[in-house]
N, C-alpha and C. Protein backbone atom coordinates (compact mmCIF):
# COMPACT_ATOMS: atom_id res chain seq x y z
N MET A 1 0.64 -1.18 0.35
CA MET A 1 -0.19 0.21 0.23
C MET A 1 0.67 1.23 -0.15
N SER A 2 0.70 2.10 -0.95
CA SER A 2 1.32 3.45 -0.92
C SER A 2 0.70 3.70 0.49
N PRO A 3 2.11 5.19 0.68
CA PRO A 3 1.49 6.18 1.71
C PRO A 3 0.46 7.16 1.68
N ILE A 4 -0.04 7.67 2.16
CA ILE A 4 -1.10 8.33 1.74
C ILE A 4 -0.56 10.09 2.01
N ASN A 5 -0.80 10.82 0.52
CA ASN A 5 -0.40 11.75 0.44
C ASN A 5 -1.15 12.80 1.12
N PRO A 6 -0.03 13.71 1.78
CA PRO A 6 -0.63 14.62 2.40
C PRO A 6 -0.91 15.58 2.41
N ILE A 7 -1.03 15.97 1.13
CA ILE A 7 -1.48 17.26 0.33
C ILE A 7 -2.86 16.76 -0.36
N SER A 8 -3.48 15.91 -0.32
CA SER A 8 -4.03 15.75 -1.10
C SER A 8 -5.50 15.50 -0.38
N PRO A 9 -6.58 15.94 -0.84
CA PRO A 9 -7.81 16.33 -0.09
C PRO A 9 -8.84 15.50 0.75
N MET A 10 -9.31 15.77 2.00
CA MET A 10 -9.73 14.75 2.69
C MET A 10 -11.19 14.89 2.10
N ASN A 11 -11.88 13.64 2.04
CA ASN A 11 -13.07 13.41 2.12
C ASN A 11 -13.69 13.91 2.60
N ILE A 12 -15.42 13.77 2.74
CA ILE A 12 -16.10 14.93 3.59
C ILE A 12 -16.48 14.12 4.66
N ASN A 13 -16.45 12.76 5.04
CA ASN A 13 -16.46 11.98 6.44
C ASN A 13 -15.12 12.61 6.99
N GLU A 14 -13.86 12.40 6.40
CA GLU A 14 -13.05 12.52 7.12
C GLU A 14 -12.68 14.07 7.47
N ILE A 15 -13.50 15.16 7.11
CA ILE A 15 -13.73 16.37 7.52
C ILE A 15 -14.28 16.75 8.62
N GLN A 16 -15.78 15.64 8.63
CA GLN A 16 -16.14 16.23 9.22
C GLN A 16 -16.33 15.48 11.17
N ASP A 17 -15.21 14.09 10.75
CA ASP A 17 -14.08 13.77 11.82
C ASP A 17 -13.14 14.34 12.40
N GLU A 18 -13.14 14.99 11.46
CA GLU A 18 -12.08 16.47 12.08
C GLU A 18 -12.72 17.54 13.43
N ILE A 19 -13.89 17.36 12.49
CA ILE A 19 -14.86 18.85 13.10
C ILE A 19 -15.69 18.48 14.49
N ILE A 20 -15.93 16.73 14.66
CA ILE A 20 -15.88 16.32 15.77
C ILE A 20 -14.82 16.45 16.55
N ALA A 21 -14.00 15.42 16.18
CA ALA A 21 -12.49 15.54 17.32
C ALA A 21 -12.21 17.05 18.05
N GLU A 22 -12.01 18.61 17.05
CA GLU A 22 -12.23 19.54 17.45
C GLU A 22 -13.40 20.26 18.93
N PHE A 23 -14.82 19.57 18.46
CA PHE A 23 -15.54 19.91 19.28
C PHE A 23 -15.45 18.89 20.60
N SER A 24 -14.81 18.05 20.70
CA SER A 24 -15.01 17.47 21.86
C SER A 24 -13.92 17.54 23.16
N ASP A 25 -12.98 18.50 22.44
CA ASP A 25 -11.85 19.14 23.34
C ASP A 25 -12.91 20.03 24.38
N PHE A 26 -13.95 20.32 23.99
CA PHE A 26 -14.67 21.14 24.81
C PHE A 26 -16.27 20.79 25.30
N ASP A 27 -15.96 20.11 26.79
CA ASP A 27 -17.59 20.04 27.12
C ASP A 27 -18.21 21.06 27.45
N ASP A 28 -17.78 22.66 27.51
CA ASP A 28 -19.34 23.07 27.52
C ASP A 28 -19.47 24.08 26.74
N TRP A 29 -21.02 24.16 26.11
CA TRP A 29 -21.30 24.62 25.12
C TRP A 29 -21.00 26.23 25.12
N MET A 30 -20.80 27.08 26.06
CA MET A 30 -20.21 28.55 26.20
C MET A 30 -18.67 28.35 25.23
N ASP A 31 -17.89 27.68 25.42
CA ASP A 31 -16.57 27.12 24.50
C ASP A 31 -16.72 26.66 23.34
N ARG A 32 -17.47 25.80 22.66
CA ARG A 32 -18.09 25.62 22.02
C ARG A 32 -19.02 26.41 20.66
N TYR A 33 -20.07 27.77 21.86
CA TYR A 33 -20.24 28.52 20.47
C TYR A 33 -18.98 29.74 20.34
N GLN A 34 -17.93 30.10 21.23
CA GLN A 34 -17.26 30.52 21.30
C GLN A 34 -15.92 30.53 19.87
N MET A 35 -16.17 28.55 20.17
CA MET A 35 -15.27 28.39 18.67
C MET A 35 -15.66 28.39 17.18
N LEU A 36 -17.09 28.40 17.74
CA LEU A 36 -17.91 28.72 16.29
C LEU A 36 -17.42 30.38 16.10
N ILE A 37 -17.66 31.47 17.09
CA ILE A 37 -17.92 32.77 16.42
C ILE A 37 -16.20 32.60 16.01
N ASP A 38 -15.04 32.06 16.55
CA ASP A 38 -13.62 31.99 15.97
C ASP A 38 -13.60 31.62 14.69
N MET A 39 -14.67 30.44 14.21
CA MET A 39 -14.41 30.09 12.76
C MET A 39 -14.41 31.08 12.30
N GLY A 40 -15.99 31.29 12.21
CA GLY A 40 -16.64 32.38 11.34
C GLY A 40 -15.90 33.61 11.29
N SER A 41 -15.22 34.12 12.53
CA SER A 41 -14.48 35.79 11.90
C SER A 41 -13.08 35.02 11.39
N GLU A 42 -12.68 34.08 11.50
CA GLU A 42 -11.40 33.58 10.88
C GLU A 42 -11.97 33.48 9.27
N GLN A 43 -12.77 33.35 9.02
CA GLN A 43 -13.57 33.18 7.55
C GLN A 43 -13.26 34.37 6.71
N PRO A 44 -12.85 34.21 5.43
CA PRO A 44 -12.33 35.43 4.38
C PRO A 44 -13.93 36.36 4.74
N PRO A 45 -13.83 37.49 4.77
CA PRO A 45 -14.84 38.01 4.31
C PRO A 45 -15.83 37.43 2.60
N LEU A 46 -17.02 37.45 2.40
CA LEU A 46 -17.51 37.67 1.27
C LEU A 46 -17.78 38.69 0.63
N GLU A 47 -16.71 38.83 -0.81
CA GLU A 47 -16.58 40.01 -1.50
C GLU A 47 -18.38 40.90 -1.43
N GLU A 48 -18.58 42.21 -1.70
CA GLU A 48 -19.60 42.61 -1.90
C GLU A 48 -20.43 42.34 -2.87
N LYS A 49 -19.95 42.22 -4.30
CA LYS A 49 -20.68 41.30 -5.28
C LYS A 49 -21.25 40.64 -5.55
N TYR A 50 -21.23 39.60 -3.96
CA TYR A 50 -21.87 38.08 -3.87
C TYR A 50 -22.74 38.72 -2.61
N LYS A 51 -23.51 39.47 -2.16
CA LYS A 51 -24.35 40.12 -1.36
C LYS A 51 -25.33 40.76 -1.84
N THR A 52 -26.27 39.72 -2.68
CA THR A 52 -27.35 40.17 -3.98
C THR A 52 -28.31 39.27 -3.07
N GLU A 53 -29.05 39.64 -3.15
CA GLU A 53 -30.59 39.26 -3.04
C GLU A 53 -30.89 37.53 -3.66
N GLN A 54 -30.19 37.60 -4.12
CA GLN A 54 -30.09 35.90 -5.48
C GLN A 54 -29.29 35.18 -4.01
N ASN A 55 -28.08 35.63 -3.43
CA ASN A 55 -27.47 34.96 -2.90
C ASN A 55 -28.29 34.70 -1.30
N LEU A 56 -29.14 35.23 -0.78
CA LEU A 56 -29.51 35.68 0.50
C LEU A 56 -29.97 34.05 0.82
N ILE A 57 -30.45 33.39 1.86
CA ILE A 57 -30.91 32.50 2.14
C ILE A 57 -32.39 32.71 2.91
N ASP A 58 -32.96 32.02 2.24
CA ASP A 58 -34.81 32.12 2.61
C ASP A 58 -34.34 31.18 3.71
N GLY A 59 -35.22 31.53 4.93
CA GLY A 59 -35.22 30.60 6.34
C GLY A 59 -34.99 30.86 7.15
N CYS A 60 -33.55 32.03 6.59
CA CYS A 60 -32.91 32.42 7.83
C CYS A 60 -33.70 33.50 8.72
N GLN A 61 -33.13 33.75 9.74
CA GLN A 61 -33.60 34.81 10.72
C GLN A 61 -32.12 35.89 10.50
N SER A 62 -31.45 35.62 10.53
CA SER A 62 -30.23 36.91 10.43
C SER A 62 -30.06 36.43 8.80
N ARG A 63 -29.67 37.69 8.30
CA ARG A 63 -28.91 37.56 7.06
C ARG A 63 -27.55 36.42 7.07
N VAL A 64 -28.05 36.03 5.34
CA VAL A 64 -26.71 35.04 4.83
C VAL A 64 -26.87 34.67 3.42
N TRP A 65 -25.74 35.14 3.34
CA TRP A 65 -25.02 35.06 1.62
C TRP A 65 -24.15 33.96 1.66
N LEU A 66 -24.93 33.50 0.55
CA LEU A 66 -24.23 32.36 -0.09
C LEU A 66 -23.65 31.75 -1.54
N GLN A 67 -22.51 31.71 -1.72
CA GLN A 67 -21.90 31.91 -3.06
C GLN A 67 -21.31 30.64 -3.87
N ALA A 68 -22.16 30.05 -4.99
CA ALA A 68 -21.30 28.43 -5.08
C ALA A 68 -20.64 28.87 -6.53
N ASP A 69 -19.37 28.06 -6.85
CA ASP A 69 -18.72 28.16 -8.25
C ASP A 69 -18.88 26.99 -8.07
N LEU A 70 -18.57 26.46 -9.29
CA LEU A 70 -17.96 24.85 -10.13
C LEU A 70 -16.78 25.55 -10.48
N VAL A 71 -15.63 24.73 -9.85
CA VAL A 71 -14.60 24.87 -10.15
C VAL A 71 -13.34 23.45 -10.65
N ASP A 72 -13.05 23.42 -11.85
CA ASP A 72 -12.98 21.34 -12.18
C ASP A 72 -13.49 21.25 -11.67
N GLY A 73 -14.73 21.01 -11.70
CA GLY A 73 -15.58 19.47 -11.19
C GLY A 73 -16.05 19.34 -9.76
N LYS A 74 -15.83 20.68 -8.79
CA LYS A 74 -16.05 20.92 -7.54
C LYS A 74 -16.36 22.09 -7.37
N LEU A 75 -17.08 22.00 -6.52
CA LEU A 75 -18.19 23.25 -5.68
C LEU A 75 -17.17 23.86 -4.92
N GLN A 76 -17.03 25.59 -4.88
CA GLN A 76 -16.57 26.40 -4.27
C GLN A 76 -17.64 26.78 -3.49
N PHE A 77 -17.68 27.41 -2.27
CA PHE A 77 -18.92 27.82 -1.64
C PHE A 77 -18.33 28.71 -1.01
N ARG A 78 -18.64 29.72 -0.79
CA ARG A 78 -18.36 31.02 0.09
C ARG A 78 -18.93 31.58 1.20
N ALA A 79 -19.49 31.95 2.11
CA ALA A 79 -20.28 32.49 2.66
C ALA A 79 -20.11 33.68 3.53
N GLU A 80 -20.98 34.19 4.20
CA GLU A 80 -21.08 35.59 5.38
C GLU A 80 -22.10 35.46 6.00
N SER A 81 -22.53 35.99 6.95
CA SER A 81 -23.38 36.25 8.16
C SER A 81 -23.72 37.40 8.55
N ASP A 82 -24.46 38.06 9.09
CA ASP A 82 -24.46 39.21 9.50
C ASP A 82 -24.25 39.57 10.94
N ALA A 83 -24.65 37.72 12.07
CA ALA A 83 -24.84 37.04 12.99
C ALA A 83 -23.38 35.91 13.32
N LEU A 84 -22.73 36.45 14.34
CA LEU A 84 -21.52 35.58 15.01
C LEU A 84 -21.76 34.23 14.37
N ILE A 85 -22.61 33.66 15.72
CA ILE A 85 -22.75 31.89 15.76
C ILE A 85 -23.52 31.58 14.44
N VAL A 86 -24.01 32.48 13.88
CA VAL A 86 -24.37 32.13 12.55
C VAL A 86 -23.28 32.59 11.38
N LYS A 87 -22.68 32.81 11.42
CA LYS A 87 -21.57 33.22 10.41
C LYS A 87 -20.38 31.68 10.93
N GLY A 88 -20.58 31.34 12.01
CA GLY A 88 -19.32 30.32 12.51
C GLY A 88 -20.15 28.83 12.04
N ILE A 89 -21.54 28.78 12.22
CA ILE A 89 -22.08 27.36 11.35
C ILE A 89 -21.97 27.37 9.93
N VAL A 90 -21.79 28.63 8.75
CA VAL A 90 -21.91 28.80 7.75
C VAL A 90 -20.44 28.08 7.66
N ALA A 91 -19.88 28.91 8.39
CA ALA A 91 -18.65 28.48 7.89
C ALA A 91 -17.75 26.84 8.15
N LEU A 92 -18.62 26.51 8.83
CA LEU A 92 -18.88 24.89 9.32
C LEU A 92 -19.22 24.35 8.22
N LEU A 93 -19.99 24.69 7.05
CA LEU A 93 -20.85 23.66 6.53
C LEU A 93 -19.63 24.03 5.18
N VAL A 94 -18.93 25.29 5.15
CA VAL A 94 -18.47 25.05 3.79
C VAL A 94 -16.95 24.40 4.23
N ARG A 95 -16.34 24.65 5.00
CA ARG A 95 -15.34 23.78 5.20
C ARG A 95 -15.82 22.35 4.84
N VAL A 96 -17.22 21.87 4.73
CA VAL A 96 -17.10 20.11 5.11
C VAL A 96 -17.45 19.86 3.78
N LEU A 97 -18.41 21.15 2.80
CA LEU A 97 -18.88 20.57 1.56
C LEU A 97 -17.76 21.47 0.53
N THR A 98 -17.38 22.42 0.69
CA THR A 98 -16.57 22.94 -0.15
C THR A 98 -15.51 21.99 -0.95
N ASN A 99 -15.21 22.13 -1.97
CA ASN A 99 -14.04 21.36 -2.75
C ASN A 99 -14.50 19.67 -3.28
N HIS A 100 -15.34 19.60 -3.17
CA HIS A 100 -16.38 18.37 -3.29
C HIS A 100 -17.18 18.12 -4.63
N THR A 101 -16.94 17.63 -5.21
CA THR A 101 -17.74 17.23 -6.49
C THR A 101 -19.60 17.68 -6.44
N PRO A 102 -20.44 17.67 -7.08
CA PRO A 102 -21.96 18.27 -6.59
C PRO A 102 -22.63 16.84 -6.59
N GLN A 103 -21.67 15.45 -6.87
CA GLN A 103 -22.40 14.43 -6.45
C GLN A 103 -22.16 13.67 -4.99
N GLU A 104 -21.18 14.06 -4.69
CA GLU A 104 -20.02 13.83 -3.25
C GLU A 104 -21.15 14.34 -2.43
N ILE A 105 -21.79 15.87 -2.45
CA ILE A 105 -22.23 16.69 -1.73
C ILE A 105 -23.59 16.29 -1.63
N LEU A 106 -24.11 15.85 -2.71
CA LEU A 106 -25.76 15.30 -2.50
C LEU A 106 -25.42 13.92 -1.82
N ASP A 107 -24.61 12.78 -2.13
CA ASP A 107 -24.25 11.80 -1.32
C ASP A 107 -24.20 12.12 0.24
N ALA A 108 -23.55 13.14 0.66
CA ALA A 108 -22.96 13.49 1.84
C ALA A 108 -24.10 13.12 3.02
N ASP A 109 -23.43 12.00 3.89
CA ASP A 109 -24.50 11.77 5.23
C ASP A 109 -23.88 12.84 6.08
N LEU A 110 -24.38 14.22 6.18
CA LEU A 110 -23.82 15.23 7.30
C LEU A 110 -23.84 14.98 8.69
N TYR A 111 -23.57 13.83 9.41
CA TYR A 111 -23.50 13.79 10.90
C TYR A 111 -22.76 14.09 12.17
N PHE A 112 -21.73 14.87 11.53
CA PHE A 112 -21.29 15.81 12.42
C PHE A 112 -22.71 16.83 13.30
N ILE A 113 -23.33 17.50 12.75
CA ILE A 113 -23.87 18.14 13.58
C ILE A 113 -24.77 17.78 14.43
N GLU A 114 -25.22 16.18 14.62
CA GLU A 114 -25.51 15.84 15.24
C GLU A 114 -24.65 15.48 16.40
N ARG A 115 -23.38 14.51 16.04
CA ARG A 115 -22.72 14.23 16.63
C ARG A 115 -21.44 15.47 17.84
N ILE A 116 -21.84 16.36 16.97
CA ILE A 116 -21.50 17.60 17.98
C ILE A 116 -22.49 18.32 19.58
N GLY A 117 -23.32 17.80 18.67
CA GLY A 117 -24.41 18.26 19.50
C GLY A 117 -24.98 19.70 19.37
N LEU A 118 -24.57 20.05 17.62
CA LEU A 118 -25.11 21.45 17.54
C LEU A 118 -26.33 21.91 17.37
N ARG A 119 -27.27 20.85 16.85
CA ARG A 119 -28.54 21.19 16.12
C ARG A 119 -29.34 21.19 17.47
N GLU A 120 -29.41 20.23 19.01
CA GLU A 120 -29.94 20.45 19.93
C GLU A 120 -29.27 21.57 20.75
N HIS A 121 -28.38 22.34 20.75
CA HIS A 121 -28.02 23.58 20.99
C HIS A 121 -28.49 24.99 20.78
N LEU A 122 -28.72 24.47 19.44
CA LEU A 122 -29.07 26.07 18.84
C LEU A 122 -30.96 26.30 19.06
N SER A 123 -31.08 27.41 19.39
CA SER A 123 -32.33 27.93 19.03
C SER A 123 -33.67 28.09 18.03
N PRO A 124 -34.53 27.44 18.11
CA PRO A 124 -35.24 26.77 16.40
C PRO A 124 -35.33 27.71 15.52
N THR A 125 -35.09 29.20 15.61
CA THR A 125 -34.96 30.13 14.64
C THR A 125 -33.56 29.84 14.13
N ARG A 126 -32.50 29.17 15.41
CA ARG A 126 -30.87 28.96 14.68
C ARG A 126 -31.19 27.78 13.82
N SER A 127 -31.83 27.13 14.05
CA SER A 127 -31.87 25.67 14.03
C SER A 127 -32.46 25.18 12.59
N ASN A 128 -33.97 26.27 12.61
CA ASN A 128 -33.90 26.20 10.79
C ASN A 128 -33.43 26.88 9.81
N GLY A 129 -32.55 28.05 10.59
CA GLY A 129 -31.32 28.61 9.30
C GLY A 129 -30.77 27.75 8.77
N LEU A 130 -30.34 26.69 10.04
CA LEU A 130 -28.74 25.43 9.46
C LEU A 130 -29.99 24.72 8.63
N GLY A 131 -30.92 24.34 8.94
CA GLY A 131 -31.60 23.49 7.46
C GLY A 131 -31.91 24.02 6.08
N ALA A 132 -31.76 25.33 6.29
CA ALA A 132 -32.50 26.18 4.91
C ALA A 132 -30.62 26.48 5.06
N MET A 133 -29.36 26.62 5.34
CA MET A 133 -28.32 26.62 4.52
C MET A 133 -27.49 25.28 4.17
N LEU A 134 -28.53 24.38 5.00
CA LEU A 134 -27.73 22.96 4.29
C LEU A 134 -28.51 22.30 2.83
N LYS A 135 -29.94 22.86 2.79
CA LYS A 135 -30.81 23.30 1.57
C LYS A 135 -30.64 23.24 0.55
N GLN A 136 -29.98 25.06 0.77
CA GLN A 136 -29.13 26.06 -0.44
C GLN A 136 -28.03 25.03 -1.01
N MET A 137 -27.00 24.83 -0.13
CA MET A 137 -25.64 24.14 -0.63
C MET A 137 -26.40 22.85 -1.08
N LYS A 138 -27.42 22.03 -0.90
CA LYS A 138 -27.52 20.98 -1.70
C LYS A 138 -28.52 21.24 -2.75
N MET A 139 -29.17 21.99 -2.97
CA MET A 139 -29.95 22.44 -4.63
C MET A 139 -28.99 23.27 -5.40
N TYR A 140 -27.52 24.14 -4.88
CA TYR A 140 -26.74 24.45 -5.79
C TYR A 140 -25.64 22.66 -6.40
N ALA A 141 -25.46 21.62 -5.61
CA ALA A 141 -25.01 20.71 -6.41
C ALA A 141 -26.39 19.98 -6.92
N LEU A 142 -27.22 19.80 -6.80
CA LEU A 142 -28.34 19.19 -7.24
C LEU A 142 -28.38 20.14 -8.82
N ALA A 143 -28.54 21.77 -8.60
CA ALA A 143 -28.21 22.36 -9.74
C ALA A 143 -26.80 21.97 -10.97
N TYR A 144 -25.55 21.65 -10.31
CA TYR A 144 -24.76 22.22 -10.78
C TYR A 144 -24.73 20.44 -11.54
N SER A 145 -25.12 19.53 -10.78
CA SER A 145 -25.21 18.04 -11.28
C SER A 145 -25.58 17.79 -12.90
N VAL A 146 -27.35 18.63 -12.65
CA VAL A 146 -27.96 18.55 -13.68
C VAL A 146 -27.31 19.50 -14.90
N LYS A 147 -26.65 20.37 -14.73
CA LYS A 147 -25.95 21.14 -15.85
C LYS A 147 -24.99 20.39 -16.31
N ASN A 148 -24.01 19.26 -15.87
CA ASN A 148 -22.70 18.99 -16.52
C ASN A 148 -23.67 17.38 -16.85
């Protein structure tokens, strides 16, 4: 067996497992919220040209913009929110789903959300927003898979 190439991209499940490990370092949800806020603030800002009505996600209480582009057969997501925790949540989703083919995204079982306890620790409106973000990302994947 050949050694694993360190620069080869991780698959979706490997990224999810990495996130689960990062969150398992903290027992307190206040620390986990801080980690989400930090993840959101580390994300590069979305260019103003992408902050359009078309890129706003319906179903989110705060404003969330999502831009998706197909580059070399893989989706590249960029996103931003005007709410700190939501920006962290969308940063997590971008981290997991960016750089994968539309089919990989459509086939993905995003188990990390439950495993880190995210959904159960979000308010109902944020939980609905999380669902809306995921739905929009899968819709982009579906649209690009049909296009090709």
